[in-house]
Amino acid sequence: MGMNFKVISTGIDDESGWGMSADAGIQVKAKLKDLINLGELGEITLATRVENFANTGIQWNGGSDAIHYNYVFGYSWATQVKSISWTISTDVDNRYSRSVNRGLEIGYLKKLFFRGGFQGRDEEWTYGAGINIGTMVLDYAGLEHDLGRSHRFSIVFKF
């Protein structure tokens, strides 16, 4: 189970806005060898999350807007061979209309990760990278779309 709080900063032309929100989620993991007893096959994860569950308000220069809640269900399969790991995932996003997203993550020594995916709603490719430094994780994600490029950076502290 987890929860995050976020600050949203956005802009269009000369207008800019910001707001605060929160997400919550839960996931269940199981090793496949425990479920079907066929050797080391990695693990499967089932998860769900609720984004912006407080109907986030965005304050613009000239007014306000809202980002409504969204719920997502997904699953993934992950395995590792020596120092290389990979994860294949799919989720179903219900923000505007049902959208299926797919992704692949390749990791090295559980420290450095590269990601690529396909966002079903906009039919666009996504990309990203991450690095684990002790109890801190730095992540970057990018997406190309009609209005240009979106970049997302995050820092996670594990405790």
Protein backbone atom coordinates (compact mmCIF):
# COMPACT_ATOMS: atom_id res chain seq x y z
CA MET A 1 0.00 0.00 0.00
CA GLY A 2 1.19 3.49 -0.63
CA MET A 3 0.22 7.09 -0.92
CA ASN A 4 1.85 10.16 -2.39
CA PHE A 5 1.28 13.88 -2.31
CA LYS A 6 2.18 15.98 -5.31
CA VAL A 7 2.52 19.55 -6.49
CA ILE A 8 1.34 20.11 -10.06
CA SER A 9 2.79 22.96 -12.12
CA THR A 10 1.50 23.52 -15.65
CA GLY A 11 1.38 26.17 -18.32
CA ILE A 12 -0.20 26.95 -21.69
CA ASP A 13 0.98 30.01 -23.66
CA ASP A 14 1.24 32.87 -21.13
CA GLU A 15 -1.03 31.19 -18.58
CA SER A 16 0.39 29.14 -15.73
CA GLY A 17 -1.24 27.22 -12.93
CA TRP A 18 -0.50 25.01 -9.99
CA GLY A 19 -2.26 22.73 -7.53
CA MET A 20 -1.74 19.99 -4.99
CA SER A 21 -3.13 16.45 -4.96
CA ALA A 22 -2.73 12.91 -3.66
CA ASP A 23 -2.79 9.36 -5.06
CA ALA A 24 -3.20 6.01 -3.28
CA GLY A 25 -2.62 2.45 -4.39
CA ILE A 26 -2.22 -1.18 -3.40
CA GLN A 27 -0.39 -4.07 -5.01
CA VAL A 28 -0.02 -7.80 -4.42
CA LYS A 29 3.05 -9.75 -5.59
CA ALA A 30 3.52 -13.50 -5.87
CA LYS A 31 6.42 -15.65 -7.05
CA LEU A 32 5.26 -17.83 -9.92
CA LYS A 33 7.21 -20.83 -8.62
CA ASP A 34 5.01 -20.73 -5.50
CA LEU A 35 1.83 -20.62 -7.58
CA ILE A 36 2.54 -23.20 -10.31
CA ASN A 37 5.71 -24.97 -9.07
CA LEU A 38 7.63 -24.82 -12.37
CA GLY A 39 10.98 -23.42 -11.25
CA GLU A 40 12.24 -19.84 -11.12
CA LEU A 41 9.88 -17.95 -13.44
CA GLY A 42 9.92 -14.56 -11.73
CA GLU A 43 6.96 -12.88 -10.11
CA ILE A 44 3.59 -11.51 -11.07
CA THR A 45 2.09 -8.33 -9.63
CA LEU A 46 -1.55 -7.22 -9.57
CA ALA A 47 -2.27 -3.61 -8.61
CA THR A 48 -4.79 -0.81 -8.52
CA ARG A 49 -4.51 2.90 -7.78
CA VAL A 50 -6.74 5.95 -7.44
CA GLU A 51 -5.21 9.18 -8.76
CA ASN A 52 -6.22 12.69 -7.63
CA PHE A 53 -8.77 11.28 -5.21
CA ALA A 54 -9.51 14.73 -3.77
CA ASN A 55 -10.60 16.21 -7.16
CA THR A 56 -7.50 18.36 -7.41
CA GLY A 57 -7.96 22.08 -8.00
CA ILE A 58 -5.61 23.97 -10.32
CA GLN A 59 -5.31 27.72 -9.73
CA TRP A 60 -4.59 29.58 -12.99
CA ASN A 61 -3.60 33.21 -13.50
CA GLY A 62 -7.20 33.97 -14.48
CA GLY A 63 -9.30 31.33 -12.71
CA SER A 64 -9.42 27.74 -11.59
CA ASP A 65 -9.94 24.24 -12.98
CA ALA A 66 -10.18 20.70 -11.60
CA ILE A 67 -8.42 17.42 -12.30
CA HIS A 68 -10.90 14.68 -11.45
CA TYR A 69 -10.05 11.33 -9.91
CA ASN A 70 -9.01 8.33 -11.99
CA TYR A 71 -8.71 4.63 -11.23
CA VAL A 72 -6.24 2.23 -12.86
CA PHE A 73 -5.91 -1.58 -12.74
CA GLY A 74 -2.78 -3.36 -13.92
CA TYR A 75 -0.52 -6.39 -13.86
CA SER A 76 3.13 -7.15 -14.59
CA TRP A 77 5.54 -10.03 -14.93
CA ALA A 78 9.15 -9.57 -13.80
CA THR A 79 12.16 -11.85 -13.89
CA GLN A 80 15.94 -11.66 -13.67
CA VAL A 81 18.84 -13.53 -15.28
CA LYS A 82 22.17 -12.79 -13.60
CA SER A 83 22.58 -8.98 -13.42
CA ILE A 84 19.85 -8.12 -15.98
CA SER A 85 16.18 -7.84 -15.04
CA TRP A 86 13.12 -7.09 -17.10
CA THR A 87 9.51 -6.31 -16.40
CA ILE A 88 6.61 -6.42 -18.84
CA SER A 89 3.48 -4.58 -17.76
CA THR A 90 -0.03 -3.65 -18.86
CA ASP A 91 -2.57 -1.39 -17.22
CA VAL A 92 -6.09 -0.23 -17.97
CA ASP A 93 -6.61 3.48 -17.37
CA ASN A 94 -10.15 4.86 -17.02
CA ARG A 95 -9.54 8.64 -17.00
CA TYR A 96 -11.54 9.72 -20.09
CA SER A 97 -12.29 6.43 -21.78
CA ARG A 98 -10.83 3.01 -21.25
CA SER A 99 -7.20 2.97 -22.44
CA VAL A 100 -4.70 0.09 -22.40
CA ASN A 101 -1.05 0.99 -21.78
CA ARG A 102 1.92 -1.34 -22.17
CA GLY A 103 5.53 -1.10 -21.04
CA LEU A 104 8.92 -2.74 -20.75
CA GLU A 105 11.63 -2.00 -18.19
CA ILE A 106 15.17 -3.37 -18.39
CA GLY A 107 17.37 -3.07 -15.32
CA TYR A 108 21.04 -3.59 -14.57
CA LEU A 109 22.26 -4.66 -11.09
CA LYS A 110 19.00 -3.37 -9.56
CA LYS A 111 20.53 0.12 -9.78
CA LEU A 112 20.01 1.46 -13.31
CA PHE A 113 16.75 1.14 -15.28
CA PHE A 114 15.61 2.02 -18.81
CA ARG A 115 11.95 2.09 -19.80
CA GLY A 116 9.83 2.27 -22.92
CA GLY A 117 6.12 1.92 -23.49
CA PHE A 118 3.04 2.67 -25.51
CA GLN A 119 0.25 4.88 -24.17
CA GLY A 120 -2.99 3.59 -25.65
CA ARG A 121 -5.21 6.68 -25.26
CA ASP A 122 -2.93 8.98 -27.29
CA GLU A 123 -1.24 6.17 -29.24
CA GLU A 124 2.16 7.63 -28.32
CA TRP A 125 5.46 6.08 -27.26
CA THR A 126 6.88 6.82 -23.83
CA TYR A 127 10.43 6.60 -22.49
CA GLY A 128 12.27 6.94 -19.21
CA ALA A 129 15.12 6.02 -16.92
CA GLY A 130 15.77 5.59 -13.22
CA ILE A 131 18.64 5.14 -10.81
CA ASN A 132 18.72 3.79 -7.24
CA ILE A 133 21.16 5.58 -4.92
CA GLY A 134 21.00 4.04 -1.46
CA THR A 135 17.56 4.80 -0.05
CA MET A 136 16.79 7.34 -2.78
CA VAL A 137 15.35 6.68 -6.26
CA LEU A 138 15.60 9.27 -9.06
CA ASP A 139 13.20 8.78 -11.99
CA TYR A 140 12.57 10.50 -15.30
CA ALA A 141 9.73 9.88 -17.78
CA GLY A 142 8.98 11.50 -21.13
CA LEU A 143 6.05 11.52 -23.52
CA GLU A 144 5.59 13.03 -26.96
CA HIS A 145 2.10 14.37 -27.77
CA ASP A 146 0.25 16.92 -29.91
CA LEU A 147 1.07 19.83 -27.60
CA GLY A 148 4.77 19.00 -27.42
CA ARG A 149 6.89 17.00 -25.02
CA SER A 150 6.05 16.26 -21.36
CA HIS A 151 8.78 15.56 -18.81
CA ARG A 152 8.24 14.14 -15.33
CA PHE A 153 10.90 13.90 -12.66
CA SER A 154 10.48 12.26 -9.26
CA ILE A 155 12.53 11.59 -6.17
CA VAL A 156 11.48 8.78 -3.83
CA PHE A 157 12.94 8.16 -0.37
CA LYS A 158 12.54 4.60 0.93
CA PHE A 159 12.29 3.99 4.65
